[in-house]
Protein backbone atom coordinates (compact mmCIF):
# COMPACT_ATOMS: atom_id res chain seq x y z
CA MET A 1 94.26 86.60 83.83
CA ALA A 2 92.37 89.44 85.45
CA ALA A 3 93.72 92.12 87.65
CA THR A 4 93.66 91.21 90.79
CA ARG A 5 90.99 93.64 92.66
CA ARG A 6 92.23 95.99 94.98
CA ARG A 7 90.87 96.90 98.39
CA GLY A 8 91.58 99.13 101.56
CA ALA A 9 94.58 100.73 101.77
CA GLU A 10 95.90 99.82 98.26
CA LEU A 11 92.86 101.43 96.79
CA ASP A 12 92.50 104.14 98.53
CA ALA A 13 96.45 105.13 97.88
CA ALA A 14 94.83 104.26 93.69
CA ILE A 15 92.16 106.98 94.47
CA PHE A 16 94.00 109.27 96.19
CA ASP A 17 97.08 109.72 93.42
CA ALA A 18 94.27 109.68 91.14
CA VAL A 19 92.92 112.82 92.34
CA LEU A 20 95.76 114.59 92.58
CA THR A 21 96.74 114.06 89.01
CA GLU A 22 92.88 115.03 87.95
CA LEU A 23 93.88 118.31 90.06
CA ARG A 24 97.20 118.96 88.35
CA ASP A 25 95.58 118.17 85.01
CA VAL A 26 92.31 119.58 84.69
CA GLY A 27 91.96 122.01 88.28
CA PHE A 28 89.29 121.29 90.99
CA ALA A 29 86.33 122.70 88.94
CA ASP A 30 86.66 120.42 86.30
CA LEU A 31 87.86 117.44 87.82
CA THR A 32 84.54 114.92 88.09
CA VAL A 33 84.37 111.40 89.87
CA GLU A 34 84.21 109.63 86.45
CA GLY A 35 87.65 111.30 85.65
CA VAL A 36 89.28 110.33 88.82
CA ALA A 37 87.63 106.35 89.03
CA ARG A 38 88.85 106.27 85.09
CA ARG A 39 92.16 107.13 86.32
CA ALA A 40 92.35 105.16 89.51
CA GLY A 41 90.96 101.73 87.58
CA THR A 42 87.83 101.51 89.58
CA SER A 43 84.10 102.44 88.98
CA LYS A 44 82.36 105.82 90.54
CA ALA A 45 80.15 103.11 92.41
CA VAL A 46 83.30 102.49 94.22
CA LEU A 47 83.89 106.55 94.94
CA TYR A 48 80.42 107.10 96.12
CA ARG A 49 80.39 104.44 98.92
CA ARG A 50 83.16 106.11 99.99
CA TRP A 51 82.46 109.95 99.77
CA SER A 52 79.48 111.38 98.86
CA THR A 53 80.50 114.50 97.06
CA LYS A 54 83.65 115.67 95.04
CA LEU A 55 84.44 117.82 97.77
CA GLU A 56 84.76 115.52 100.53
CA MET A 57 86.94 113.18 97.67
CA VAL A 58 89.58 115.92 97.57
CA ILE A 59 89.86 117.15 100.19
CA THR A 60 89.99 113.50 102.12
CA ALA A 61 92.61 113.31 99.49
CA LEU A 62 94.83 115.96 100.25
CA ALA A 63 94.80 115.10 104.06
CA ASN A 64 95.66 112.01 103.85
CA THR A 65 98.46 112.70 101.15
CA ARG A 66 99.53 116.57 100.42
CA LEU A 67 98.73 117.41 104.37
CA ALA A 68 99.73 114.08 105.76
CA ASP A 69 103.16 114.48 107.10
CA ILE A 70 102.69 118.21 109.26
CA THR A 71 104.35 118.68 111.98
CA PRO A 72 104.27 122.10 113.54
CA PRO A 73 107.45 123.34 114.29
CA ASP A 74 108.90 123.92 117.88
CA THR A 75 109.67 127.59 117.71
CA GLY A 76 110.01 128.08 121.37
CA THR A 77 106.19 130.10 121.61
CA LEU A 78 102.53 129.73 120.94
CA ALA A 79 102.75 131.80 117.75
CA GLY A 80 105.52 131.07 116.23
CA ASP A 81 104.71 127.81 116.29
CA LEU A 82 101.34 128.65 114.92
CA ARG A 83 102.52 131.01 112.53
CA GLY A 84 105.22 128.23 110.91
CA THR A 85 101.79 125.70 110.87
CA ILE A 86 100.00 127.89 109.27
CA HIS A 87 102.71 128.79 106.59
CA GLU A 88 103.65 125.60 105.76
CA LEU A 89 100.27 124.57 105.32
CA LEU A 90 99.57 127.39 102.89
CA ASP A 91 102.90 126.36 100.95
CA ARG A 92 101.74 123.03 100.64
CA LEU A 93 98.19 124.05 99.00
CA ALA A 94 100.12 126.22 97.32
CA ALA A 95 101.82 123.39 95.67
CA GLN A 96 98.46 122.59 94.03
CA GLY A 97 98.19 125.68 92.54
CA ARG A 98 96.44 128.57 93.68
CA GLU A 99 93.40 128.62 91.58
CA VAL A 100 93.28 124.81 92.40
CA ALA A 101 93.41 125.75 95.89
CA LEU A 102 90.50 127.99 95.74
CA GLY A 103 88.46 125.79 94.55
CA ILE A 104 88.93 123.95 96.91
CA MET A 105 88.11 126.67 99.54
CA ALA A 106 85.20 128.43 97.41
CA GLY A 107 83.85 124.79 97.28
CA ALA A 108 84.03 124.19 101.15
CA ALA A 109 82.18 127.75 102.13
CA SER A 110 79.34 127.51 99.54
CA GLU A 111 78.28 123.87 99.77
CA PRO A 112 77.14 122.29 102.68
CA ASN A 113 78.74 119.25 103.78
CA PRO A 114 79.37 118.09 107.02
CA ALA A 115 81.98 115.48 105.93
CA ALA A 116 83.87 117.35 104.48
CA MET A 117 84.40 119.77 106.97
CA THR A 118 84.47 117.36 109.82
CA VAL A 119 87.78 116.47 107.43
CA LEU A 120 89.05 119.53 107.81
CA ARG A 121 88.24 120.54 111.20
CA THR A 122 89.99 117.44 112.46
CA LYS A 123 92.70 117.96 110.61
CA ALA A 124 93.19 121.70 112.42
CA GLU A 125 92.47 120.23 115.66
CA ASP A 126 95.28 117.71 115.61
CA LEU A 127 97.59 120.85 114.56
CA SER A 128 96.36 122.47 117.33
CA GLY A 129 96.33 119.60 119.89
CA VAL A 130 100.03 119.37 119.29
CA ILE A 131 101.02 123.08 119.36
CA ILE A 132 98.61 123.75 122.76
CA ARG A 133 100.21 120.70 124.19
CA ARG A 134 104.00 122.54 123.69
CA ALA A 135 103.14 125.79 124.96
CA ARG A 136 101.74 124.18 128.18
CA ASP A 137 104.88 122.04 128.89
CA ARG A 138 106.76 125.44 128.43
CA GLY A 139 104.71 126.80 131.14
CA GLU A 140 103.97 129.81 128.53
CA ILE A 141 99.61 129.17 129.18
CA GLY A 142 97.97 127.27 132.01
CA ALA A 143 96.20 124.05 132.46
CA GLY A 144 92.69 125.00 131.35
CA PRO A 145 90.53 123.26 128.83
CA VAL A 146 90.80 125.22 125.65
CA PRO A 147 87.96 124.36 123.61
CA ALA A 148 88.24 123.14 119.82
CA THR A 149 86.31 126.87 118.68
CA ALA A 150 89.61 128.95 120.39
CA ALA A 151 92.02 126.28 119.66
CA THR A 152 91.32 126.22 115.48
CA LEU A 153 91.03 129.49 115.46
CA ALA A 154 94.17 130.80 113.52
CA PHE A 155 93.38 128.17 111.30
CA ASP A 156 89.59 128.84 110.53
CA LEU A 157 90.33 132.47 109.79
CA VAL A 158 92.96 132.33 107.35
CA ARG A 159 90.83 129.72 105.48
CA TYR A 160 88.21 132.78 105.06
CA ARG A 161 90.55 135.91 104.73
CA PHE A 162 92.24 133.01 101.99
CA LEU A 163 88.91 132.69 100.36
CA MET A 164 87.96 136.30 100.81
CA GLU A 165 91.56 137.83 99.43
CA GLY A 166 93.34 135.27 96.88
CA SER A 167 96.33 134.93 99.22
CA LEU A 168 97.80 136.11 102.83
CA SER A 169 100.60 138.45 103.80
CA ALA A 170 103.30 137.76 106.53
CA GLU A 171 101.91 140.68 108.06
CA ALA A 172 98.09 138.87 107.70
CA ILE A 173 99.09 135.58 109.13
CA ASP A 174 100.45 137.81 112.13
CA ASP A 175 97.45 139.78 112.86
CA VAL A 176 95.18 136.24 112.89
CA VAL A 177 97.68 134.96 115.49
CA GLU A 178 98.41 137.80 117.08
CA THR A 179 95.26 139.78 117.46
CA ALA A 180 92.93 136.74 117.58
CA ALA A 181 94.56 133.29 118.32
CA VAL A 182 96.85 133.54 120.62
CA PRO A 183 94.93 135.67 122.80
CA LEU A 184 91.88 133.55 123.35
CA ILE A 185 93.81 130.46 123.55
CA ARG A 186 95.77 131.77 126.92
CA VAL A 187 92.27 133.14 128.36
CA HIS A 188 90.89 130.10 128.31
CA ALA A 189 93.99 128.42 129.50
CA SER A 190 94.40 130.33 132.33
CA GLY A 191 90.74 129.33 133.73
CA ALA A 192 89.70 133.01 133.04
CA GLN A 193 85.90 133.21 131.74
CA ALA A 194 85.71 133.81 127.75
CA PRO A 195 82.65 134.47 125.73
CA GLY A 196 81.98 131.94 123.05
CA PRO A 197 80.43 128.97 122.69
CA LYS A 198 81.55 125.55 124.34
CA GLY A 199 82.84 122.74 122.47
CA SER A 200 85.21 119.88 123.18
CA SER A 201 88.50 120.71 124.35
CA ALA A 202 91.82 120.27 122.60
CA GLY A 203 95.17 120.10 124.61
């Protein structure tokens, strides 16, 4: 009897599970589309119809599994919510292994891949949107629009520093949040003129 062909969410789940298993067993550098296809019981053609590169496939798998259920903690402050969310993200990535996390981030930095970066950017915008809305509700910041570039600055800087330094201390995360991200969000939310490119708004 022929196996039932899997489609949609069922096939995606099998592929994501295969990606995570391959990451654990061989690491990001040695992971191949062929290996994932074999483990998922599908073909390379099926994977390439969904994702154009290994990096895009891996980032999508992580975004839909390990990082899917992250909810920013409600600490009572904008800085605290950003800080807690960053720690949670780094902990989730660390669970995959430091070399895996570094490999993924190095790939994202060196390989032009708009689709993969869109997955990362969308996740950061979703998280920052929750955080900024909470800060508004508390009366902690004003009602002015916060461009996505400003809203996600903390996540972008953390990704860059993790790639350059290999790890981030609690003090380094505090520095990103307190001296860069929070002041910029406050300026935009207050309606004051802030330097930098315009973009879509979060929150």
